[in-house]
Each structure stands twice: as C-alpha cells, then as structure tokens.
Amino acid sequence: MKILVSNDDGIFSPGLIALAEVASQFGDVMIFAPDFEQSAVGHAITIQRPLQYHRVKMLKGFEAYRVNGTPADCVAMGLFHWGGADLVLSGINLGSNLGNDIWHSGTVAAAKQAVLLGVQGVAFSQVINGEEPSYEKQKPYIAEVVRLLTGEHPPRLVNVNLPKNPTGIRWTHQSVRAYNGKMVESQDPMGRKHYWFSAIPLTAPDENSDRWAMEKDLVSLTPLRLSLTDDEWLQNLATEQASPV
C-alpha cells in the first residue's frame, strides 16, 4: 500500500514523523509537507504563483519533500509526484481539531484534498495544551485506527482526535456549538496595537460528539462528507410544497 503523509504544521513537525512511523507498518510511505507552519489556512490552494518542492534529506529515513504551498497543495503535489496513492494521512496536528475547528483546519483540508482527488483521507490531531508533544501512548491507537479504516467499506474521509491519555476508540459526530467569538486588543513592546481572535465555546458538548469523546479520554473518529448541502432543510421544503393548501 502506498501511503502519502502530510500536515499543516510543517515538514519538521514531530507529529508528522510520528504519523509516518506508524504508517510505515502498513505500507510504503512518502512525505509531502509545507516548508513552514500553515495552521488554520483551511482548504486554500495556490493559483496565483507556481509551486515548487524540494527533497529533504535525513528525515528519519523517509523519502520526504517540502512544498512552498498549503497543506492542500502538498497533497495534490505529492499524488502527482508519486503517481497516486492508496491512502493519505494528515497530521499529527499540534492541537485538537474539534467541532467548528474542522471548517478552518489545514490538517483536515489535506485529507479533504485527497478525497477530492479520489484517495481516502484521514486527518489526525492531538490535544497538546502547551506541553512538549509525546506520541508513545497514541501510536498503538493510531495503528488501530489505520487498521480499522483500511478494512472493508470504510468512510472516505475521517477526522481523528487523540486525547492525552487515550483509553479507547469511539465513532463520533461533529460537535457544533455556539461560540463567543471576539477580538482581543493588545499592544506590542513598541506600543503599537494588535489584535487576537478569541473563541470560547458557550455550550457543553453533546453526548457522542468529538468534544465529548475527548473529555472521556476516547479517541474520536468522525466520518465527514464533502457535500455541504443542508439535506434536512431541502427535505422539509419538499414536504411543505407537497402538503395541500
């Protein structure tokens, strides 16, 4: 099996190497990742300038390339270079990607790009909380997830979140909660104003959601789809139109 590994934290992220090491248990691995951190860039693609990629030597023995583009660019470039792949793994992101994070996550976008190009994609993220990342507790669970998702009839796109001390694996749904989004004003040492965007969840996670699983120390597997169509609204509309006046 040919497994392409990418991320949004950059070519030298420790999470990238940890994921490649687990992936190597299942097939041939090649790495294509951004040459610098691209967190929260979403599914941006580069269309106004040409892309380049360069071999990175001595990256834990893996054939690896850095790309002057976004995570989605890296996956497209990697699949082009390798002539396709059987699976694309993205991560391990330095921090979780839960709930609304999925909308702007570069890690998830890399997996989505794989699916758009006809290849199964799985995104991995891990709770960090400002600590030095460690992956020894997570690696057996990552291997089990890869084993599960390469079995019969797996979903094509899955978002995986890893707790600090995992105790099990749970299929979950995306937690969609209200957020208190606000701009926080501050200043730099020169007295110049700058701003940070802050988002604080306003509601507790619902049971069997990705956030709920993290609070229970469970590895969260959330199957995603590419279609953003509000099927429930369309169904309600069809029902209303079919009802007699």
C-alpha atoms as a PDB file:
ATOM      1  CA  MET A   1       0.000   0.000   0.000  1.00  0.00           C
ATOM      2  CA  LYS A   2       1.248   3.495  -0.901  1.00  0.00           C
ATOM      3  CA  ILE A   3       0.655   5.980   1.917  1.00  0.00           C
ATOM      4  CA  LEU A   4       1.215   9.702   1.462  1.00  0.00           C
ATOM      5  CA  VAL A   5       1.707  11.637   4.711  1.00  0.00           C
ATOM      6  CA  SER A   6       1.217  15.393   5.021  1.00  0.00           C
ATOM      7  CA  ASN A   7       0.299  18.025   7.626  1.00  0.00           C
ATOM      8  CA  ASP A   8      -0.159  21.763   8.219  1.00  0.00           C
ATOM      9  CA  ASP A   9       2.495  22.225  10.944  1.00  0.00           C
ATOM     10  CA  GLY A  10       5.417  21.997   8.543  1.00  0.00           C
ATOM     11  CA  ILE A  11       7.958  19.479   7.335  1.00  0.00           C
ATOM     12  CA  PHE A  12       9.885  19.325  10.620  1.00  0.00           C
ATOM     13  CA  SER A  13       6.900  18.824  12.946  1.00  0.00           C
ATOM     14  CA  PRO A  14       7.406  15.903  15.364  1.00  0.00           C
ATOM     15  CA  GLY A  15       3.799  14.848  14.786  1.00  0.00           C
ATOM     16  CA  LEU A  16       4.492  14.331  11.085  1.00  0.00           C
ATOM     17  CA  ILE A  17       7.328  11.912  11.812  1.00  0.00           C
ATOM     18  CA  ALA A  18       5.297  10.050  14.439  1.00  0.00           C
ATOM     19  CA  LEU A  19       2.470   9.533  11.942  1.00  0.00           C
ATOM     20  CA  ALA A  20       4.889   8.403   9.224  1.00  0.00           C
ATOM     21  CA  GLU A  21       6.436   5.890  11.624  1.00  0.00           C
ATOM     22  CA  VAL A  22       3.051   4.309  12.344  1.00  0.00           C
ATOM     23  CA  ALA A  23       2.078   4.416   8.655  1.00  0.00           C
ATOM     24  CA  SER A  24       5.248   2.519   7.736  1.00  0.00           C
ATOM     25  CA  GLN A  25       3.743  -0.544   9.478  1.00  0.00           C
ATOM     26  CA  PHE A  26       1.131  -0.693   6.725  1.00  0.00           C
ATOM     27  CA  GLY A  27       2.995   0.125   3.509  1.00  0.00           C
ATOM     28  CA  ASP A  28       5.406   2.377   1.653  1.00  0.00           C
ATOM     29  CA  VAL A  29       5.445   5.945   2.980  1.00  0.00           C
ATOM     30  CA  MET A  30       6.268   9.215   1.290  1.00  0.00           C
ATOM     31  CA  ILE A  31       6.061  12.648   2.935  1.00  0.00           C
ATOM     32  CA  PHE A  32       4.955  15.894   1.286  1.00  0.00           C
ATOM     33  CA  ALA A  33       4.506  18.766   3.756  1.00  0.00           C
ATOM     34  CA  PRO A  34       4.630  22.586   3.823  1.00  0.00           C
ATOM     35  CA  ASP A  35       8.047  24.157   4.253  1.00  0.00           C
ATOM     36  CA  PHE A  36       6.668  26.250   7.145  1.00  0.00           C
ATOM     37  CA  GLU A  37       3.696  26.144   9.500  1.00  0.00           C
ATOM     38  CA  GLN A  38       0.291  26.700   7.852  1.00  0.00           C
ATOM     39  CA  SER A  39      -2.137  26.207  10.731  1.00  0.00           C
ATOM     40  CA  ALA A  40      -5.757  27.317  10.204  1.00  0.00           C
ATOM     41  CA  VAL A  41      -5.324  28.066   6.484  1.00  0.00           C
ATOM     42  CA  GLY A  42      -8.310  25.871   5.695  1.00  0.00           C
ATOM     43  CA  HIS A  43      -8.589  24.459   2.190  1.00  0.00           C
ATOM     44  CA  ALA A  44      -6.642  27.232   0.493  1.00  0.00           C
ATOM     45  CA  ILE A  45      -4.945  26.307  -2.778  1.00  0.00           C
ATOM     46  CA  THR A  46      -2.269  28.258  -4.630  1.00  0.00           C
ATOM     47  CA  ILE A  47      -3.300  29.570  -8.044  1.00  0.00           C
ATOM     48  CA  GLN A  48      -1.507  32.928  -8.439  1.00  0.00           C
ATOM     49  CA  ARG A  49       2.074  31.606  -8.495  1.00  0.00           C
ATOM     50  CA  PRO A  50       3.867  28.374  -9.408  1.00  0.00           C
ATOM     51  CA  LEU A  51       4.653  25.771  -6.781  1.00  0.00           C
ATOM     52  CA  GLN A  52       7.999  24.135  -6.085  1.00  0.00           C
ATOM     53  CA  TYR A  53       9.037  21.168  -3.997  1.00  0.00           C
ATOM     54  CA  HIS A  54      12.459  20.025  -2.769  1.00  0.00           C
ATOM     55  CA  ARG A  55      13.823  16.816  -1.281  1.00  0.00           C
ATOM     56  CA  VAL A  56      14.554  16.908   2.446  1.00  0.00           C
ATOM     57  CA  LYS A  57      17.467  14.716   3.447  1.00  0.00           C
ATOM     58  CA  MET A  58      17.787  12.678   6.621  1.00  0.00           C
ATOM     59  CA  LEU A  59      14.164  12.922   7.776  1.00  0.00           C
ATOM     60  CA  LYS A  60      14.164   9.761   9.908  1.00  0.00           C
ATOM     61  CA  GLY A  61      14.887   7.677   6.821  1.00  0.00           C
ATOM     62  CA  PHE A  62      11.680   8.642   4.996  1.00  0.00           C
ATOM     63  CA  GLU A  63      11.576   9.994   1.452  1.00  0.00           C
ATOM     64  CA  ALA A  64      10.299  13.499   2.151  1.00  0.00           C
ATOM     65  CA  TYR A  65       9.671  16.729   0.261  1.00  0.00           C
ATOM     66  CA  ARG A  66       8.901  20.264   1.401  1.00  0.00           C
ATOM     67  CA  VAL A  67       6.470  22.340  -0.646  1.00  0.00           C
ATOM     68  CA  ASN A  68       6.153  26.132  -0.825  1.00  0.00           C
ATOM     69  CA  GLY A  69       2.386  25.850  -0.616  1.00  0.00           C
ATOM     70  CA  THR A  70      -0.606  24.990   1.534  1.00  0.00           C
ATOM     71  CA  PRO A  71      -1.499  21.582   3.013  1.00  0.00           C
ATOM     72  CA  ALA A  72      -3.946  21.002   0.139  1.00  0.00           C
ATOM     73  CA  ASP A  73      -1.194  21.928  -2.330  1.00  0.00           C
ATOM     74  CA  CYS A  74       1.119  19.398  -0.675  1.00  0.00           C
ATOM     75  CA  VAL A  75      -1.320  16.537  -1.127  1.00  0.00           C
ATOM     76  CA  ALA A  76      -2.003  17.432  -4.754  1.00  0.00           C
ATOM     77  CA  MET A  77       1.737  17.726  -5.432  1.00  0.00           C
ATOM     78  CA  GLY A  78       2.534  14.501  -3.604  1.00  0.00           C
ATOM     79  CA  LEU A  79      -0.063  12.489  -5.500  1.00  0.00           C
ATOM     80  CA  PHE A  80       1.219  13.954  -8.773  1.00  0.00           C
ATOM     81  CA  HIS A  81       4.845  13.149  -7.938  1.00  0.00           C
ATOM     82  CA  TRP A  82       4.127   9.600  -6.768  1.00  0.00           C
ATOM     83  CA  GLY A  83       1.608   8.786  -9.457  1.00  0.00           C
ATOM     84  CA  GLY A  84      -1.179   8.382  -6.917  1.00  0.00           C
ATOM     85  CA  ALA A  85      -1.505   6.648  -3.558  1.00  0.00           C
ATOM     86  CA  ASP A  86      -3.853   4.283  -1.745  1.00  0.00           C
ATOM     87  CA  LEU A  87      -4.198   6.391   1.390  1.00  0.00           C
ATOM     88  CA  VAL A  88      -3.392   9.918   2.571  1.00  0.00           C
ATOM     89  CA  LEU A  89      -2.755  10.574   6.262  1.00  0.00           C
ATOM     90  CA  SER A  90      -2.570  14.131   7.563  1.00  0.00           C
ATOM     91  CA  GLY A  91      -1.090  15.186  10.920  1.00  0.00           C
ATOM     92  CA  ILE A  92      -0.462  14.617  13.701  1.00  0.00           C
ATOM     93  CA  ASN A  93      -1.605  18.181  14.296  1.00  0.00           C
ATOM     94  CA  LEU A  94      -0.148  20.007  17.297  1.00  0.00           C
ATOM     95  CA  GLY A  95      -3.524  20.609  18.934  1.00  0.00           C
ATOM     96  CA  SER A  96      -7.014  19.235  18.516  1.00  0.00           C
ATOM     97  CA  ASN A  97      -9.380  19.856  15.588  1.00  0.00           C
ATOM     98  CA  LEU A  98     -12.835  19.500  17.110  1.00  0.00           C
ATOM     99  CA  GLY A  99     -16.262  20.834  16.237  1.00  0.00           C
ATOM    100  CA  ASN A 100     -16.085  24.125  14.375  1.00  0.00           C
ATOM    101  CA  ASP A 101     -12.287  23.766  14.026  1.00  0.00           C
ATOM    102  CA  ILE A 102     -12.974  21.454  11.085  1.00  0.00           C
ATOM    103  CA  TRP A 103     -14.011  24.448   8.969  1.00  0.00           C
ATOM    104  CA  HIS A 104     -10.605  26.138   9.078  1.00  0.00           C
ATOM    105  CA  SER A 105      -8.243  23.252   9.814  1.00  0.00           C
ATOM    106  CA  GLY A 106      -5.371  22.836   7.376  1.00  0.00           C
ATOM    107  CA  THR A 107      -4.887  19.306   8.711  1.00  0.00           C
ATOM    108  CA  VAL A 108      -8.420  18.305   7.763  1.00  0.00           C
ATOM    109  CA  ALA A 109      -8.093  20.156   4.452  1.00  0.00           C
ATOM    110  CA  ALA A 110      -5.152  17.968   3.440  1.00  0.00           C
ATOM    111  CA  ALA A 111      -7.308  14.875   3.977  1.00  0.00           C
ATOM    112  CA  LYS A 112     -10.205  16.503   2.102  1.00  0.00           C
ATOM    113  CA  GLN A 113      -7.922  17.272  -0.834  1.00  0.00           C
ATOM    114  CA  ALA A 114      -7.040  13.594  -1.020  1.00  0.00           C
ATOM    115  CA  VAL A 115     -10.716  12.638  -1.256  1.00  0.00           C
ATOM    116  CA  LEU A 116     -11.324  15.284  -3.917  1.00  0.00           C
ATOM    117  CA  LEU A 117      -8.573  13.588  -5.919  1.00  0.00           C
ATOM    118  CA  GLY A 118     -10.049  10.114  -5.437  1.00  0.00           C
ATOM    119  CA  VAL A 119      -7.944   8.873  -2.492  1.00  0.00           C
ATOM    120  CA  GLN A 120      -9.106   8.023   1.031  1.00  0.00           C
ATOM    121  CA  GLY A 121      -8.048  10.707   3.515  1.00  0.00           C
ATOM    122  CA  VAL A 122      -7.654  10.602   7.307  1.00  0.00           C
ATOM    123  CA  ALA A 123      -6.722  13.605   9.475  1.00  0.00           C
ATOM    124  CA  PHE A 124      -5.081  13.135  12.889  1.00  0.00           C
ATOM    125  CA  SER A 125      -4.893  15.768  15.630  1.00  0.00           C
ATOM    126  CA  GLN A 126      -3.827  15.580  19.257  1.00  0.00           C
ATOM    127  CA  VAL A 127      -4.531  17.597  22.390  1.00  0.00           C
ATOM    128  CA  ILE A 128      -1.304  19.358  23.446  1.00  0.00           C
ATOM    129  CA  ASN A 129      -2.208  22.093  25.986  1.00  0.00           C
ATOM    130  CA  GLY A 130       1.154  23.825  25.683  1.00  0.00           C
ATOM    131  CA  GLU A 131       3.186  20.765  26.634  1.00  0.00           C
ATOM    132  CA  GLU A 132       6.011  19.122  24.709  1.00  0.00           C
ATOM    133  CA  PRO A 133       4.292  16.615  22.398  1.00  0.00           C
ATOM    134  CA  SER A 134       4.701  12.912  23.074  1.00  0.00           C
ATOM    135  CA  TYR A 135       3.226  10.135  20.954  1.00  0.00           C
ATOM    136  CA  GLU A 136       4.077   6.821  22.591  1.00  0.00           C
ATOM    137  CA  LYS A 137       0.646   6.434  24.210  1.00  0.00           C
ATOM    138  CA  GLN A 138      -1.103   7.433  20.989  1.00  0.00           C
ATOM    139  CA  LYS A 139       0.828   5.307  18.479  1.00  0.00           C
ATOM    140  CA  PRO A 140      -0.964   1.989  19.245  1.00  0.00           C
ATOM    141  CA  TYR A 141      -4.313   3.743  18.826  1.00  0.00           C
ATOM    142  CA  ILE A 142      -3.202   5.388  15.579  1.00  0.00           C
ATOM    143  CA  ALA A 143      -2.200   1.962  14.268  1.00  0.00           C
ATOM    144  CA  GLU A 144      -5.588   0.549  15.283  1.00  0.00           C
ATOM    145  CA  VAL A 145      -7.376   3.430  13.547  1.00  0.00           C
ATOM    146  CA  VAL A 146      -5.411   2.880  10.334  1.00  0.00           C
ATOM    147  CA  ARG A 147      -6.163  -0.837  10.548  1.00  0.00           C
ATOM    148  CA  LEU A 148      -9.853  -0.104  11.064  1.00  0.00           C
ATOM    149  CA  LEU A 149     -10.069   2.444   8.255  1.00  0.00           C
ATOM    150  CA  THR A 150      -8.328   0.230   5.709  1.00  0.00           C
ATOM    151  CA  GLY A 151     -10.752  -2.644   6.282  1.00  0.00           C
ATOM    152  CA  GLU A 152     -13.985  -3.310   4.414  1.00  0.00           C
ATOM    153  CA  HIS A 153     -16.256  -0.397   3.451  1.00  0.00           C
ATOM    154  CA  PRO A 154     -14.519   2.403   5.405  1.00  0.00           C
ATOM    155  CA  PRO A 155     -15.638   6.041   5.142  1.00  0.00           C
ATOM    156  CA  ARG A 156     -13.608   8.022   2.626  1.00  0.00           C
ATOM    157  CA  LEU A 157     -12.909  10.982   4.909  1.00  0.00           C
ATOM    158  CA  VAL A 158     -12.368  10.770   8.669  1.00  0.00           C
ATOM    159  CA  ASN A 159     -11.300  13.309  11.279  1.00  0.00           C
ATOM    160  CA  VAL A 160      -9.442  11.683  14.184  1.00  0.00           C
ATOM    161  CA  ASN A 161      -8.664  13.380  17.505  1.00  0.00           C
ATOM    162  CA  LEU A 162      -6.323  11.855  20.055  1.00  0.00           C
ATOM    163  CA  PRO A 163      -6.557  12.613  23.786  1.00  0.00           C
ATOM    164  CA  LYS A 164      -3.515  12.920  26.044  1.00  0.00           C
ATOM    165  CA  ASN A 165      -4.190   9.573  27.737  1.00  0.00           C
ATOM    166  CA  PRO A 166      -6.390   7.504  25.403  1.00  0.00           C
ATOM    167  CA  THR A 167      -8.406   4.645  26.850  1.00  0.00           C
ATOM    168  CA  GLY A 168     -10.463   3.577  23.830  1.00  0.00           C
ATOM    169  CA  ILE A 169     -11.879   4.464  20.428  1.00  0.00           C
ATOM    170  CA  ARG A 170     -15.325   5.887  19.658  1.00  0.00           C
ATOM    171  CA  TRP A 171     -17.175   6.798  16.452  1.00  0.00           C
ATOM    172  CA  THR A 172     -18.479  10.336  16.965  1.00  0.00           C
ATOM    173  CA  HIS A 173     -20.295  13.198  15.279  1.00  0.00           C
ATOM    174  CA  GLN A 174     -19.038  16.744  14.870  1.00  0.00           C
ATOM    175  CA  SER A 175     -19.818  18.965  17.818  1.00  0.00           C
ATOM    176  CA  VAL A 176     -21.413  22.160  16.501  1.00  0.00           C
ATOM    177  CA  ARG A 177     -21.708  24.625  19.361  1.00  0.00           C
ATOM    178  CA  ALA A 178     -22.282  28.350  19.822  1.00  0.00           C
ATOM    179  CA  TYR A 179     -19.049  30.307  20.310  1.00  0.00           C
ATOM    180  CA  ASN A 180     -18.256  33.650  21.869  1.00  0.00           C
ATOM    181  CA  GLY A 181     -16.038  34.997  19.112  1.00  0.00           C
ATOM    182  CA  LYS A 182     -14.425  38.330  19.869  1.00  0.00           C
ATOM    183  CA  MET A 183     -11.373  40.420  19.041  1.00  0.00           C
ATOM    184  CA  VAL A 184      -8.976  40.983  21.947  1.00  0.00           C
ATOM    185  CA  GLU A 185      -6.987  44.205  21.678  1.00  0.00           C
ATOM    186  CA  SER A 186      -3.407  44.399  22.949  1.00  0.00           C
ATOM    187  CA  GLN A 187      -0.135  46.111  22.042  1.00  0.00           C
ATOM    188  CA  ASP A 188       3.436  45.180  21.181  1.00  0.00           C
ATOM    189  CA  PRO A 189       6.559  46.415  23.050  1.00  0.00           C
ATOM    190  CA  MET A 190       6.629  49.480  20.768  1.00  0.00           C
ATOM    191  CA  GLY A 191       3.133  50.459  21.845  1.00  0.00           C
ATOM    192  CA  ARG A 192       1.525  49.545  18.540  1.00  0.00           C
ATOM    193  CA  LYS A 193      -1.929  47.990  18.696  1.00  0.00           C
ATOM    194  CA  HIS A 194      -2.509  44.436  17.596  1.00  0.00           C
ATOM    195  CA  TYR A 195      -5.414  42.042  17.880  1.00  0.00           C
ATOM    196  CA  TRP A 196      -6.076  38.380  18.653  1.00  0.00           C
ATOM    197  CA  PHE A 197      -9.185  36.478  17.673  1.00  0.00           C
ATOM    198  CA  SER A 198     -10.585  34.542  20.637  1.00  0.00           C
ATOM    199  CA  ALA A 199     -13.347  31.913  20.511  1.00  0.00           C
ATOM    200  CA  ILE A 200     -14.776  30.368  23.678  1.00  0.00           C
ATOM    201  CA  PRO A 201     -17.440  27.616  23.497  1.00  0.00           C
ATOM    202  CA  LEU A 202     -20.701  28.697  25.119  1.00  0.00           C
ATOM    203  CA  THR A 203     -22.367  25.295  25.434  1.00  0.00           C
ATOM    204  CA  ALA A 204     -21.333  21.873  26.714  1.00  0.00           C
ATOM    205  CA  PRO A 205     -20.617  19.116  24.173  1.00  0.00           C
ATOM    206  CA  ASP A 206     -23.432  16.725  23.355  1.00  0.00           C
ATOM    207  CA  GLU A 207     -23.059  13.016  24.006  1.00  0.00           C
ATOM    208  CA  ASN A 208     -21.120  11.002  21.405  1.00  0.00           C
ATOM    209  CA  SER A 209     -19.707  14.171  19.821  1.00  0.00           C
ATOM    210  CA  ASP A 210     -15.999  14.623  19.147  1.00  0.00           C
ATOM    211  CA  ARG A 211     -15.593  17.044  22.079  1.00  0.00           C
ATOM    212  CA  TRP A 212     -17.492  14.685  24.377  1.00  0.00           C
ATOM    213  CA  ALA A 213     -15.121  11.847  23.429  1.00  0.00           C
ATOM    214  CA  MET A 214     -12.063  13.983  24.244  1.00  0.00           C
ATOM    215  CA  GLU A 215     -13.461  14.706  27.712  1.00  0.00           C
ATOM    216  CA  LYS A 216     -13.869  10.938  28.190  1.00  0.00           C
ATOM    217  CA  ASP A 217     -10.250  10.229  27.039  1.00  0.00           C
ATOM    218  CA  LEU A 218     -11.549   8.415  23.959  1.00  0.00           C
ATOM    219  CA  VAL A 219     -10.003   8.600  20.507  1.00  0.00           C
ATOM    220  CA  SER A 220     -12.641  10.329  18.378  1.00  0.00           C
ATOM    221  CA  LEU A 221     -13.329   9.137  14.823  1.00  0.00           C
ATOM    222  CA  THR A 222     -15.701  11.451  12.958  1.00  0.00           C
ATOM    223  CA  PRO A 223     -16.707  10.465   9.409  1.00  0.00           C
ATOM    224  CA  LEU A 224     -17.046  13.554   7.222  1.00  0.00           C
ATOM    225  CA  ARG A 225     -18.532  14.195   3.787  1.00  0.00           C
ATOM    226  CA  LEU A 226     -17.660  16.676   1.072  1.00  0.00           C
ATOM    227  CA  SER A 227     -21.228  17.824   0.392  1.00  0.00           C
ATOM    228  CA  LEU A 228     -22.295  20.858   2.445  1.00  0.00           C
ATOM    229  CA  THR A 229     -25.884  20.672   1.241  1.00  0.00           C
ATOM    230  CA  ASP A 230     -28.468  21.068   4.019  1.00  0.00           C
ATOM    231  CA  ASP A 231     -30.439  17.920   3.139  1.00  0.00           C
ATOM    232  CA  GLU A 232     -32.770  18.285   6.116  1.00  0.00           C
ATOM    233  CA  TRP A 233     -33.833  21.766   5.011  1.00  0.00           C
ATOM    234  CA  LEU A 234     -34.422  20.579   1.437  1.00  0.00           C
ATOM    235  CA  GLN A 235     -36.475  17.650   2.728  1.00  0.00           C
ATOM    236  CA  ASN A 236     -38.590  19.976   4.868  1.00  0.00           C
ATOM    237  CA  LEU A 237     -39.095  22.236   1.862  1.00  0.00           C
ATOM    238  CA  ALA A 238     -40.210  19.298  -0.275  1.00  0.00           C
ATOM    239  CA  THR A 239     -42.630  18.235   2.455  1.00  0.00           C
ATOM    240  CA  GLU A 240     -44.113  21.738   2.715  1.00  0.00           C
ATOM    241  CA  GLN A 241     -44.524  22.011  -1.065  1.00  0.00           C
ATOM    242  CA  ALA A 242     -46.217  18.607  -1.188  1.00  0.00           C
ATOM    243  CA  SER A 243     -48.671  19.471   1.583  1.00  0.00           C
ATOM    244  CA  PRO A 244     -52.166  20.501   0.443  1.00  0.00           C
ATOM    245  CA  VAL A 245     -53.035  24.163   0.961  1.00  0.00           C
END
